[in-house]
């Protein structure tokens, strides 16, 4: 019976630690382009407010990563998240979406990642 109590306590501690290990970043994506420097993102009123600054990332992928032989040994796409610029929340549309304006030089593309 004592061993069971230790298992329960260990499980509770593991769950508590896991709940503390969350990301402090709020992430969304560019879902609609109005023009090169204005668009809508999937971050709403619970996530952002007017004037908040967001980092804008693009996924850059290639197919040169090889999985170790013990896991199949095949070549698979390898992607990394690359910071490409900044954007500001221009308007909060509703609880799901906001409009952004990007800094000069950055051209928005649908699917880009935005992060607060």
PDB file of N, CA and C in Angstrom:
ATOM      1  N   UNK A   1       0.818  -1.197   0.000  1.00  0.00           N
ATOM      2  CA  UNK A   1       0.000   0.000   0.000  1.00  0.00           C
ATOM      3  C   UNK A   1       0.858   1.256   0.000  1.00  0.00           C
ATOM      4  N   UNK A   2       1.985   1.206   0.745  1.00  0.00           N
ATOM      5  CA  UNK A   2       2.868   2.370   0.775  1.00  0.00           C
ATOM      6  C   UNK A   2       3.420   2.694  -0.609  1.00  0.00           C
ATOM      7  N   UNK A   3       3.757   1.656  -1.382  1.00  0.00           N
ATOM      8  CA  UNK A   3       4.299   1.873  -2.723  1.00  0.00           C
ATOM      9  C   UNK A   3       3.303   2.592  -3.617  1.00  0.00           C
ATOM     10  N   UNK A   4       2.028   2.256  -3.476  1.00  0.00           N
ATOM     11  CA  UNK A   4       0.994   2.930  -4.274  1.00  0.00           C
ATOM     12  C   UNK A   4       0.930   4.411  -3.937  1.00  0.00           C
ATOM     13  N   UNK A   5       1.046   4.750  -2.678  1.00  0.00           N
ATOM     14  CA  UNK A   5       1.019   6.153  -2.280  1.00  0.00           C
ATOM     15  C   UNK A   5       2.181   6.921  -2.905  1.00  0.00           C
ATOM     16  N   UNK A   6       3.364   6.299  -2.955  1.00  0.00           N
ATOM     17  CA  UNK A   6       4.518   6.949  -3.579  1.00  0.00           C
ATOM     18  C   UNK A   6       4.276   7.185  -5.067  1.00  0.00           C
ATOM     19  N   UNK A   7       3.632   6.210  -5.710  1.00  0.00           N
ATOM     20  CA  UNK A   7       3.334   6.355  -7.137  1.00  0.00           C
ATOM     21  C   UNK A   7       2.360   7.504  -7.348  1.00  0.00           C
ATOM     22  N   UNK A   8       1.318   7.599  -6.524  1.00  0.00           N
ATOM     23  CA  UNK A   8       0.352   8.688  -6.646  1.00  0.00           C
ATOM     24  C   UNK A   8       1.011  10.047  -6.420  1.00  0.00           C
ATOM     25  N   UNK A   9       1.854  10.126  -5.400  1.00  0.00           N
ATOM     26  CA  UNK A   9       2.539  11.382  -5.106  1.00  0.00           C
ATOM     27  C   UNK A   9       3.463  11.762  -6.261  1.00  0.00           C
ATOM     28  N   UNK A  10       4.196  10.791  -6.810  1.00  0.00           N
ATOM     29  CA  UNK A  10       5.090  11.051  -7.942  1.00  0.00           C
ATOM     30  C   UNK A  10       4.300  11.527  -9.157  1.00  0.00           C
ATOM     31  N   UNK A  11       3.151  10.926  -9.409  1.00  0.00           N
ATOM     32  CA  UNK A  11       2.316  11.328 -10.544  1.00  0.00           C
ATOM     33  C   UNK A  11       1.801  12.750 -10.366  1.00  0.00           C
ATOM     34  N   UNK A  12       1.375  13.095  -9.170  1.00  0.00           N
ATOM     35  CA  UNK A  12       0.869  14.443  -8.904  1.00  0.00           C
ATOM     36  C   UNK A  12       1.984  15.479  -9.081  1.00  0.00           C
ATOM     37  N   UNK A  13       3.174  15.173  -8.591  1.00  0.00           N
ATOM     38  CA  UNK A  13       4.305  16.094  -8.750  1.00  0.00           C
ATOM     39  C   UNK A  13       4.651  16.261 -10.226  1.00  0.00           C
ATOM     40  N   UNK A  14       4.657  15.161 -10.987  1.00  0.00           N
ATOM     41  CA  UNK A  14       4.964  15.235 -12.421  1.00  0.00           C
ATOM     42  C   UNK A  14       3.947  16.109 -13.148  1.00  0.00           C
ATOM     43  N   UNK A  15       2.672  15.947 -12.837  1.00  0.00           N
ATOM     44  CA  UNK A  15       1.641  16.771 -13.472  1.00  0.00           C
ATOM     45  C   UNK A  15       1.788  18.242 -13.099  1.00  0.00           C
ATOM     46  N   UNK A  16       2.106  18.507 -11.850  1.00  0.00           N
ATOM     47  CA  UNK A  16       2.291  19.893 -11.417  1.00  0.00           C
ATOM     48  C   UNK A  16       3.465  20.537 -12.137  1.00  0.00           C
ATOM     49  N   UNK A  17       4.559  19.810 -12.270  1.00  0.00           N
ATOM     50  CA  UNK A  17       5.731  20.356 -12.968  1.00  0.00           C
ATOM     51  C   UNK A  17       5.439  20.578 -14.439  1.00  0.00           C
ATOM     52  N   UNK A  18       4.699  19.667 -15.047  1.00  0.00           N
ATOM     53  CA  UNK A  18       4.353  19.811 -16.451  1.00  0.00           C
ATOM     54  C   UNK A  18       3.490  21.049 -16.686  1.00  0.00           C
ATOM     55  N   UNK A  19       2.582  21.332 -15.779  1.00  0.00           N
ATOM     56  CA  UNK A  19       1.716  22.497 -15.948  1.00  0.00           C
ATOM     57  C   UNK A  19       2.499  23.794 -15.816  1.00  0.00           C
ATOM     58  N   UNK A  20       3.637  23.771 -15.130  1.00  0.00           N
ATOM     59  CA  UNK A  20       4.473  24.962 -15.000  1.00  0.00           C
ATOM     60  C   UNK A  20       5.375  25.167 -16.203  1.00  0.00           C
ATOM     61  N   UNK A  21       5.505  24.168 -17.042  1.00  0.00           N
ATOM     62  CA  UNK A  21       6.466  24.228 -18.149  1.00  0.00           C
ATOM     63  C   UNK A  21       5.818  24.685 -19.448  1.00  0.00           C
ATOM     64  N   UNK A  22       4.816  25.552 -19.387  1.00  0.00           N
ATOM     65  CA  UNK A  22       4.173  26.035 -20.601  1.00  0.00           C
ATOM     66  C   UNK A  22       4.927  27.233 -21.167  1.00  0.00           C
ATOM     67  N   UNK A  23       4.661  27.538 -22.413  1.00  0.00           N
ATOM     68  CA  UNK A  23       5.300  28.674 -23.073  1.00  0.00           C
ATOM     69  C   UNK A  23       4.605  29.967 -22.661  1.00  0.00           C
ATOM     70  N   UNK A  24       5.372  31.019 -22.511  1.00  0.00           N
ATOM     71  CA  UNK A  24       4.779  32.304 -22.166  1.00  0.00           C
ATOM     72  C   UNK A  24       4.413  33.094 -23.418  1.00  0.00           C
ATOM     73  N   UNK A  25       4.619  32.498 -24.588  1.00  0.00           N
ATOM     74  CA  UNK A  25       4.336  33.182 -25.842  1.00  0.00           C
ATOM     75  C   UNK A  25       2.916  32.896 -26.310  1.00  0.00           C
ATOM     76  N   UNK A  26       2.297  33.900 -26.898  1.00  0.00           N
ATOM     77  CA  UNK A  26       1.006  33.736 -27.539  1.00  0.00           C
ATOM     78  C   UNK A  26       1.272  33.697 -29.026  1.00  0.00           C
ATOM     79  N   UNK A  27       0.825  32.645 -29.694  1.00  0.00           N
ATOM     80  CA  UNK A  27       1.116  32.459 -31.115  1.00  0.00           C
ATOM     81  C   UNK A  27      -0.149  32.402 -31.939  1.00  0.00           C
ATOM     82  N   UNK A  28      -0.022  32.869 -33.166  1.00  0.00           N
ATOM     83  CA  UNK A  28      -1.094  32.778 -34.136  1.00  0.00           C
ATOM     84  C   UNK A  28      -0.488  32.789 -35.527  1.00  0.00           C
ATOM     85  N   UNK A  29      -1.318  32.983 -36.518  1.00  0.00           N
ATOM     86  CA  UNK A  29      -0.810  33.022 -37.882  1.00  0.00           C
ATOM     87  C   UNK A  29      -1.512  34.108 -38.679  1.00  0.00           C
ATOM     88  N   UNK A  30      -0.877  34.490 -39.781  1.00  0.00           N
ATOM     89  CA  UNK A  30      -1.466  35.460 -40.700  1.00  0.00           C
ATOM     90  C   UNK A  30      -2.505  34.711 -41.520  1.00  0.00           C
ATOM     91  N   UNK A  31      -3.756  35.182 -41.472  1.00  0.00           N
ATOM     92  CA  UNK A  31      -4.841  34.471 -42.150  1.00  0.00           C
ATOM     93  C   UNK A  31      -5.408  35.211 -43.355  1.00  0.00           C
ATOM     94  N   UNK A  32      -5.169  36.528 -43.447  1.00  0.00           N
ATOM     95  CA  UNK A  32      -5.713  37.307 -44.558  1.00  0.00           C
ATOM     96  C   UNK A  32      -4.793  38.490 -44.830  1.00  0.00           C
ATOM     97  N   UNK A  33      -4.510  38.737 -46.095  1.00  0.00           N
ATOM     98  CA  UNK A  33      -3.661  39.860 -46.493  1.00  0.00           C
ATOM     99  C   UNK A  33      -4.544  40.946 -47.099  1.00  0.00           C
ATOM    100  N   UNK A  34      -4.434  42.180 -46.579  1.00  0.00           N
ATOM    101  CA  UNK A  34      -5.145  43.314 -47.172  1.00  0.00           C
ATOM    102  C   UNK A  34      -4.257  43.971 -48.221  1.00  0.00           C
ATOM    103  N   UNK A  35      -2.996  44.172 -47.892  1.00  0.00           N
ATOM    104  CA  UNK A  35      -1.965  44.629 -48.814  1.00  0.00           C
ATOM    105  C   UNK A  35      -0.629  44.176 -48.225  1.00  0.00           C
ATOM    106  N   UNK A  36       0.486  44.589 -48.813  1.00  0.00           N
ATOM    107  CA  UNK A  36       1.793  44.099 -48.384  1.00  0.00           C
ATOM    108  C   UNK A  36       2.098  44.352 -46.911  1.00  0.00           C
ATOM    109  N   UNK A  37       1.521  45.406 -46.345  1.00  0.00           N
ATOM    110  CA  UNK A  37       1.888  45.750 -44.972  1.00  0.00           C
ATOM    111  C   UNK A  37       0.731  45.679 -43.969  1.00  0.00           C
ATOM    112  N   UNK A  38      -0.440  45.232 -44.419  1.00  0.00           N
ATOM    113  CA  UNK A  38      -1.605  45.113 -43.536  1.00  0.00           C
ATOM    114  C   UNK A  38      -2.268  43.757 -43.731  1.00  0.00           C
ATOM    115  N   UNK A  39      -2.676  43.157 -42.626  1.00  0.00           N
ATOM    116  CA  UNK A  39      -3.362  41.875 -42.716  1.00  0.00           C
ATOM    117  C   UNK A  39      -4.046  41.540 -41.409  1.00  0.00           C
ATOM    118  N   UNK A  40      -4.709  40.405 -41.405  1.00  0.00           N
ATOM    119  CA  UNK A  40      -5.390  39.919 -40.210  1.00  0.00           C
ATOM    120  C   UNK A  40      -4.671  38.680 -39.689  1.00  0.00           C
ATOM    121  N   UNK A  41      -4.606  38.590 -38.364  1.00  0.00           N
ATOM    122  CA  UNK A  41      -3.943  37.465 -37.712  1.00  0.00           C
ATOM    123  C   UNK A  41      -4.919  36.767 -36.776  1.00  0.00           C
ATOM    124  N   UNK A  42      -4.631  35.530 -36.502  1.00  0.00           N
ATOM    125  CA  UNK A  42      -5.472  34.721 -35.628  1.00  0.00           C
ATOM    126  C   UNK A  42      -5.012  34.899 -34.178  1.00  0.00           C
ATOM    127  N   UNK A  43      -5.213  36.093 -33.660  1.00  0.00           N
ATOM    128  CA  UNK A  43      -5.008  36.446 -32.251  1.00  0.00           C
ATOM    129  C   UNK A  43      -6.120  37.431 -31.923  1.00  0.00           C
ATOM    130  N   UNK A  44      -6.906  37.135 -30.921  1.00  0.00           N
ATOM    131  CA  UNK A  44      -8.062  37.960 -30.630  1.00  0.00           C
ATOM    132  C   UNK A  44      -7.969  38.757 -29.352  1.00  0.00           C
ATOM    133  N   UNK A  45      -9.123  39.221 -28.901  1.00  0.00           N
ATOM    134  CA  UNK A  45      -9.204  40.131 -27.759  1.00  0.00           C
ATOM    135  C   UNK A  45      -8.674  39.527 -26.459  1.00  0.00           C
ATOM    136  N   UNK A  46      -8.666  38.221 -26.332  1.00  0.00           N
ATOM    137  CA  UNK A  46      -8.127  37.586 -25.127  1.00  0.00           C
ATOM    138  C   UNK A  46      -6.597  37.504 -25.178  1.00  0.00           C
ATOM    139  N   UNK A  47      -6.027  37.705 -26.377  1.00  0.00           N
ATOM    140  CA  UNK A  47      -4.592  37.521 -26.573  1.00  0.00           C
ATOM    141  C   UNK A  47      -3.809  38.829 -26.689  1.00  0.00           C
ATOM    142  N   UNK A  48      -4.402  39.845 -27.338  1.00  0.00           N
ATOM    143  CA  UNK A  48      -3.670  41.074 -27.660  1.00  0.00           C
ATOM    144  C   UNK A  48      -4.543  42.302 -27.451  1.00  0.00           C
ATOM    145  N   UNK A  49      -3.893  43.463 -27.483  1.00  0.00           N
ATOM    146  CA  UNK A  49      -4.612  44.741 -27.461  1.00  0.00           C
ATOM    147  C   UNK A  49      -3.953  45.671 -28.477  1.00  0.00           C
ATOM    148  N   UNK A  50      -4.647  46.729 -28.834  1.00  0.00           N
ATOM    149  CA  UNK A  50      -4.125  47.679 -29.819  1.00  0.00           C
ATOM    150  C   UNK A  50      -2.771  48.208 -29.342  1.00  0.00           C
ATOM    151  N   UNK A  51      -1.815  48.217 -30.275  1.00  0.00           N
ATOM    152  CA  UNK A  51      -0.474  48.719 -29.968  1.00  0.00           C
ATOM    153  C   UNK A  51       0.523  47.645 -29.586  1.00  0.00           C
ATOM    154  N   UNK A  52       0.048  46.430 -29.268  1.00  0.00           N
ATOM    155  CA  UNK A  52       0.983  45.344 -28.936  1.00  0.00           C
ATOM    156  C   UNK A  52       1.904  45.067 -30.120  1.00  0.00           C
ATOM    157  N   UNK A  53       3.157  44.752 -29.821  1.00  0.00           N
ATOM    158  CA  UNK A  53       4.131  44.406 -30.856  1.00  0.00           C
ATOM    159  C   UNK A  53       4.238  42.890 -30.952  1.00  0.00           C
ATOM    160  N   UNK A  54       4.231  42.393 -32.177  1.00  0.00           N
ATOM    161  CA  UNK A  54       4.356  40.967 -32.443  1.00  0.00           C
ATOM    162  C   UNK A  54       5.621  40.698 -33.246  1.00  0.00           C
ATOM    163  N   UNK A  55       6.248  39.581 -32.988  1.00  0.00           N
ATOM    164  CA  UNK A  55       7.342  39.101 -33.832  1.00  0.00           C
ATOM    165  C   UNK A  55       6.708  38.301 -34.961  1.00  0.00           C
ATOM    166  N   UNK A  56       7.242  38.462 -36.173  1.00  0.00           N
ATOM    167  CA  UNK A  56       6.712  37.764 -37.344  1.00  0.00           C
ATOM    168  C   UNK A  56       7.775  36.768 -37.812  1.00  0.00           C
ATOM    169  N   UNK A  57       7.357  35.522 -37.983  1.00  0.00           N
ATOM    170  CA  UNK A  57       8.271  34.453 -38.378  1.00  0.00           C
ATOM    171  C   UNK A  57       7.792  33.806 -39.666  1.00  0.00           C
ATOM    172  N   UNK A  58       8.746  33.229 -40.382  1.00  0.00           N
ATOM    173  CA  UNK A  58       8.454  32.461 -41.578  1.00  0.00           C
ATOM    174  C   UNK A  58       9.079  31.083 -41.386  1.00  0.00           C
ATOM    175  N   UNK A  59       8.399  30.040 -41.819  1.00  0.00           N
ATOM    176  CA  UNK A  59       8.962  28.698 -41.764  1.00  0.00           C
ATOM    177  C   UNK A  59       9.805  28.486 -43.013  1.00  0.00           C
ATOM    178  N   UNK A  60      11.067  28.142 -42.815  1.00  0.00           N
ATOM    179  CA  UNK A  60      11.976  27.866 -43.925  1.00  0.00           C
ATOM    180  C   UNK A  60      12.286  26.372 -43.872  1.00  0.00           C
ATOM    181  N   UNK A  61      11.896  25.673 -44.944  1.00  0.00           N
ATOM    182  CA  UNK A  61      12.034  24.217 -44.951  1.00  0.00           C
ATOM    183  C   UNK A  61      12.910  23.749 -46.102  1.00  0.00           C
ATOM    184  N   UNK A  62      13.600  22.637 -45.874  1.00  0.00           N
ATOM    185  CA  UNK A  62      14.334  21.948 -46.933  1.00  0.00           C
ATOM    186  C   UNK A  62      14.203  20.454 -46.671  1.00  0.00           C
ATOM    187  N   UNK A  63      14.665  19.640 -47.587  1.00  0.00           N
ATOM    188  CA  UNK A  63      14.492  18.193 -47.424  1.00  0.00           C
ATOM    189  C   UNK A  63      15.836  17.480 -47.271  1.00  0.00           C
ATOM    190  N   UNK A  64      16.701  18.034 -46.458  1.00  0.00           N
ATOM    191  CA  UNK A  64      18.023  17.444 -46.331  1.00  0.00           C
ATOM    192  C   UNK A  64      18.269  16.757 -44.999  1.00  0.00           C
ATOM    193  N   UNK A  65      17.284  16.695 -44.146  1.00  0.00           N
ATOM    194  CA  UNK A  65      17.472  16.065 -42.840  1.00  0.00           C
ATOM    195  C   UNK A  65      17.202  14.569 -42.955  1.00  0.00           C
ATOM    196  N   UNK A  66      18.139  13.783 -42.495  1.00  0.00           N
ATOM    197  CA  UNK A  66      17.968  12.338 -42.539  1.00  0.00           C
ATOM    198  C   UNK A  66      17.643  11.818 -41.145  1.00  0.00           C
ATOM    199  N   UNK A  67      16.585  11.025 -41.072  1.00  0.00           N
ATOM    200  CA  UNK A  67      16.200  10.401 -39.812  1.00  0.00           C
ATOM    201  C   UNK A  67      17.205   9.287 -39.523  1.00  0.00           C
ATOM    202  N   UNK A  68      17.609   9.117 -38.266  1.00  0.00           N
ATOM    203  CA  UNK A  68      18.528   8.028 -37.934  1.00  0.00           C
ATOM    204  C   UNK A  68      17.981   6.675 -38.395  1.00  0.00           C
ATOM    205  N   UNK A  69      18.888   5.767 -38.751  1.00  0.00           N
ATOM    206  CA  UNK A  69      18.506   4.452 -39.264  1.00  0.00           C
ATOM    207  C   UNK A  69      17.568   3.726 -38.312  1.00  0.00           C
ATOM    208  N   UNK A  70      17.776   3.873 -37.014  1.00  0.00           N
ATOM    209  CA  UNK A  70      16.932   3.164 -36.050  1.00  0.00           C
ATOM    210  C   UNK A  70      15.484   3.651 -36.093  1.00  0.00           C
ATOM    211  N   UNK A  71      15.256   4.840 -36.703  1.00  0.00           N
ATOM    212  CA  UNK A  71      13.899   5.391 -36.805  1.00  0.00           C
ATOM    213  C   UNK A  71      13.360   5.350 -38.232  1.00  0.00           C
ATOM    214  N   UNK A  72      14.047   4.664 -39.131  1.00  0.00           N
ATOM    215  CA  UNK A  72      13.555   4.536 -40.501  1.00  0.00           C
ATOM    216  C   UNK A  72      14.566   4.939 -41.554  1.00  0.00           C
ATOM    217  N   UNK A  73      15.504   5.813 -41.213  1.00  0.00           N
ATOM    218  CA  UNK A  73      16.581   6.186 -42.108  1.00  0.00           C
ATOM    219  C   UNK A  73      16.198   6.958 -43.356  1.00  0.00           C
ATOM    220  N   UNK A  74      15.041   7.548 -43.420  1.00  0.00           N
ATOM    221  CA  UNK A  74      14.650   8.267 -44.627  1.00  0.00           C
ATOM    222  C   UNK A  74      14.951   9.762 -44.522  1.00  0.00           C
ATOM    223  N   UNK A  75      14.914  10.428 -45.665  1.00  0.00           N
ATOM    224  CA  UNK A  75      15.118  11.871 -45.694  1.00  0.00           C
ATOM    225  C   UNK A  75      13.755  12.533 -45.559  1.00  0.00           C
ATOM    226  N   UNK A  76      13.668  13.490 -44.652  1.00  0.00           N
ATOM    227  CA  UNK A  76      12.403  14.176 -44.379  1.00  0.00           C
ATOM    228  C   UNK A  76      12.624  15.684 -44.408  1.00  0.00           C
ATOM    229  N   UNK A  77      11.545  16.439 -44.578  1.00  0.00           N
ATOM    230  CA  UNK A  77      11.696  17.892 -44.537  1.00  0.00           C
ATOM    231  C   UNK A  77      12.214  18.358 -43.181  1.00  0.00           C
ATOM    232  N   UNK A  78      13.061  19.327 -43.227  1.00  0.00           N
ATOM    233  CA  UNK A  78      13.583  19.933 -42.007  1.00  0.00           C
ATOM    234  C   UNK A  78      13.215  21.409 -42.051  1.00  0.00           C
ATOM    235  N   UNK A  79      12.481  21.867 -41.053  1.00  0.00           N
ATOM    236  CA  UNK A  79      12.023  23.248 -41.052  1.00  0.00           C
ATOM    237  C   UNK A  79      12.542  23.985 -39.829  1.00  0.00           C
ATOM    238  N   UNK A  80      12.734  25.286 -39.995  1.00  0.00           N
ATOM    239  CA  UNK A  80      13.068  26.124 -38.852  1.00  0.00           C
ATOM    240  C   UNK A  80      12.259  27.409 -38.934  1.00  0.00           C
ATOM    241  N   UNK A  81      11.981  27.972 -37.773  1.00  0.00           N
ATOM    242  CA  UNK A  81      11.217  29.208 -37.660  1.00  0.00           C
ATOM    243  C   UNK A  81      12.217  30.355 -37.681  1.00  0.00           C
ATOM    244  N   UNK A  82      12.100  31.242 -38.690  1.00  0.00           N
ATOM    245  CA  UNK A  82      13.048  32.334 -38.868  1.00  0.00           C
ATOM    246  C   UNK A  82      12.336  33.672 -38.656  1.00  0.00           C
ATOM    247  N   UNK A  83      12.882  34.498 -37.758  1.00  0.00           N
ATOM    248  CA  UNK A  83      12.325  35.828 -37.508  1.00  0.00           C
ATOM    249  C   UNK A  83      12.543  36.696 -38.737  1.00  0.00           C
ATOM    250  N   UNK A  84      11.457  37.293 -39.270  1.00  0.00           N
ATOM    251  CA  UNK A  84      11.565  38.127 -40.461  1.00  0.00           C
ATOM    252  C   UNK A  84      11.179  39.581 -40.210  1.00  0.00           C
ATOM    253  N   UNK A  85      10.608  39.886 -39.047  1.00  0.00           N
ATOM    254  CA  UNK A  85      10.251  41.270 -38.759  1.00  0.00           C
ATOM    255  C   UNK A  85       9.302  41.404 -37.590  1.00  0.00           C
ATOM    256  N   UNK A  86       8.742  42.606 -37.482  1.00  0.00           N
ATOM    257  CA  UNK A  86       7.819  42.952 -36.387  1.00  0.00           C
ATOM    258  C   UNK A  86       6.538  43.529 -36.970  1.00  0.00           C
ATOM    259  N   UNK A  87       5.467  43.408 -36.185  1.00  0.00           N
ATOM    260  CA  UNK A  87       4.172  43.986 -36.564  1.00  0.00           C
ATOM    261  C   UNK A  87       3.521  44.532 -35.307  1.00  0.00           C
ATOM    262  N   UNK A  88       2.604  45.492 -35.503  1.00  0.00           N
ATOM    263  CA  UNK A  88       1.833  46.047 -34.382  1.00  0.00           C
ATOM    264  C   UNK A  88       0.358  45.789 -34.616  1.00  0.00           C
ATOM    265  N   UNK A  89      -0.340  45.537 -33.505  1.00  0.00           N
ATOM    266  CA  UNK A  89      -1.794  45.357 -33.582  1.00  0.00           C
ATOM    267  C   UNK A  89      -2.418  46.722 -33.861  1.00  0.00           C
ATOM    268  N   UNK A  90      -3.112  46.836 -34.996  1.00  0.00           N
ATOM    269  CA  UNK A  90      -3.765  48.086 -35.383  1.00  0.00           C
ATOM    270  C   UNK A  90      -5.214  48.126 -34.901  1.00  0.00           C
ATOM    271  N   UNK A  91      -5.857  46.958 -34.867  1.00  0.00           N
ATOM    272  CA  UNK A  91      -7.247  46.874 -34.417  1.00  0.00           C
ATOM    273  C   UNK A  91      -7.544  45.455 -33.969  1.00  0.00           C
ATOM    274  N   UNK A  92      -8.331  45.337 -32.917  1.00  0.00           N
ATOM    275  CA  UNK A  92      -8.804  44.022 -32.477  1.00  0.00           C
ATOM    276  C   UNK A  92     -10.194  43.851 -33.071  1.00  0.00           C
ATOM    277  N   UNK A  93     -10.368  42.828 -33.899  1.00  0.00           N
ATOM    278  CA  UNK A  93     -11.629  42.621 -34.610  1.00  0.00           C
ATOM    279  C   UNK A  93     -12.665  41.940 -33.715  1.00  0.00           C
ATOM    280  N   UNK A  94     -12.282  40.838 -33.094  1.00  0.00           N
ATOM    281  CA  UNK A  94     -13.178  40.109 -32.189  1.00  0.00           C
ATOM    282  C   UNK A  94     -12.329  39.205 -31.300  1.00  0.00           C
ATOM    283  N   UNK A  95     -12.941  38.216 -30.687  1.00  0.00           N
ATOM    284  CA  UNK A  95     -12.191  37.368 -29.762  1.00  0.00           C
ATOM    285  C   UNK A  95     -11.218  36.434 -30.472  1.00  0.00           C
ATOM    286  N   UNK A  96     -11.277  36.351 -31.807  1.00  0.00           N
ATOM    287  CA  UNK A  96     -10.409  35.441 -32.547  1.00  0.00           C
ATOM    288  C   UNK A  96      -9.400  36.139 -33.467  1.00  0.00           C
ATOM    289  N   UNK A  97      -9.703  37.348 -33.943  1.00  0.00           N
ATOM    290  CA  UNK A  97      -8.879  37.972 -34.976  1.00  0.00           C
ATOM    291  C   UNK A  97      -8.534  39.426 -34.651  1.00  0.00           C
ATOM    292  N   UNK A  98      -7.378  39.845 -35.173  1.00  0.00           N
ATOM    293  CA  UNK A  98      -6.931  41.236 -35.073  1.00  0.00           C
ATOM    294  C   UNK A  98      -6.285  41.635 -36.388  1.00  0.00           C
ATOM    295  N   UNK A  99      -6.236  42.943 -36.630  1.00  0.00           N
ATOM    296  CA  UNK A  99      -5.543  43.476 -37.801  1.00  0.00           C
ATOM    297  C   UNK A  99      -4.175  43.975 -37.366  1.00  0.00           C
ATOM    298  N   UNK A 100      -3.181  43.768 -38.239  1.00  0.00           N
ATOM    299  CA  UNK A 100      -1.825  44.205 -37.941  1.00  0.00           C
ATOM    300  C   UNK A 100      -1.283  45.095 -39.049  1.00  0.00           C
ATOM    301  N   UNK A 101      -0.302  45.888 -38.663  1.00  0.00           N
ATOM    302  CA  UNK A 101       0.475  46.687 -39.613  1.00  0.00           C
ATOM    303  C   UNK A 101       1.929  46.320 -39.377  1.00  0.00           C
ATOM    304  N   UNK A 102       2.636  45.945 -40.438  1.00  0.00           N
ATOM    305  CA  UNK A 102       4.023  45.493 -40.286  1.00  0.00           C
ATOM    306  C   UNK A 102       4.991  46.653 -40.449  1.00  0.00           C
ATOM    307  N   UNK A 103       6.202  46.457 -39.915  1.00  0.00           N
ATOM    308  CA  UNK A 103       7.251  47.457 -40.084  1.00  0.00           C
ATOM    309  C   UNK A 103       7.656  47.508 -41.557  1.00  0.00           C
ATOM    310  N   UNK A 104       8.238  48.625 -41.962  1.00  0.00           N
ATOM    311  CA  UNK A 104       8.597  48.794 -43.366  1.00  0.00           C
ATOM    312  C   UNK A 104       9.592  47.722 -43.801  1.00  0.00           C
ATOM    313  N   UNK A 105       9.446  47.287 -45.030  1.00  0.00           N
ATOM    314  CA  UNK A 105      10.352  46.294 -45.592  1.00  0.00           C
ATOM    315  C   UNK A 105       9.851  44.870 -45.492  1.00  0.00           C
ATOM    316  N   UNK A 106       8.910  44.599 -44.607  1.00  0.00           N
ATOM    317  CA  UNK A 106       8.379  43.248 -44.451  1.00  0.00           C
ATOM    318  C   UNK A 106       7.112  43.108 -45.272  1.00  0.00           C
ATOM    319  N   UNK A 107       7.041  42.068 -46.096  1.00  0.00           N
ATOM    320  CA  UNK A 107       5.849  41.780 -46.884  1.00  0.00           C
ATOM    321  C   UNK A 107       5.138  40.588 -46.260  1.00  0.00           C
ATOM    322  N   UNK A 108       3.917  40.828 -45.791  1.00  0.00           N
ATOM    323  CA  UNK A 108       3.139  39.754 -45.165  1.00  0.00           C
ATOM    324  C   UNK A 108       2.780  38.678 -46.173  1.00  0.00           C
ATOM    325  N   UNK A 109       2.745  37.446 -45.690  1.00  0.00           N
ATOM    326  CA  UNK A 109       2.302  36.308 -46.473  1.00  0.00           C
ATOM    327  C   UNK A 109       1.383  35.472 -45.592  1.00  0.00           C
ATOM    328  N   UNK A 110       0.318  34.932 -46.173  1.00  0.00           N
ATOM    329  CA  UNK A 110      -0.570  34.058 -45.411  1.00  0.00           C
ATOM    330  C   UNK A 110       0.238  32.864 -44.903  1.00  0.00           C
ATOM    331  N   UNK A 111      -0.037  32.476 -43.668  1.00  0.00           N
ATOM    332  CA  UNK A 111       0.656  31.342 -43.073  1.00  0.00           C
ATOM    333  C   UNK A 111       1.857  31.723 -42.236  1.00  0.00           C
ATOM    334  N   UNK A 112       2.304  32.977 -42.329  1.00  0.00           N
ATOM    335  CA  UNK A 112       3.395  33.403 -41.459  1.00  0.00           C
ATOM    336  C   UNK A 112       2.949  33.268 -40.006  1.00  0.00           C
ATOM    337  N   UNK A 113       3.898  33.062 -39.117  1.00  0.00           N
ATOM    338  CA  UNK A 113       3.610  32.891 -37.688  1.00  0.00           C
ATOM    339  C   UNK A 113       3.817  34.234 -36.992  1.00  0.00           C
ATOM    340  N   UNK A 114       2.882  34.594 -36.114  1.00  0.00           N
ATOM    341  CA  UNK A 114       3.039  35.805 -35.294  1.00  0.00           C
ATOM    342  C   UNK A 114       3.066  35.373 -33.848  1.00  0.00           C
ATOM    343  N   UNK A 115       3.888  36.064 -33.066  1.00  0.00           N
ATOM    344  CA  UNK A 115       4.086  35.688 -31.671  1.00  0.00           C
ATOM    345  C   UNK A 115       4.237  36.937 -30.822  1.00  0.00           C
ATOM    346  N   UNK A 116       3.509  36.956 -29.709  1.00  0.00           N
ATOM    347  CA  UNK A 116       3.574  38.099 -28.793  1.00  0.00           C
ATOM    348  C   UNK A 116       4.725  37.907 -27.835  1.00  0.00           C
TER     349      UNK A 116
END
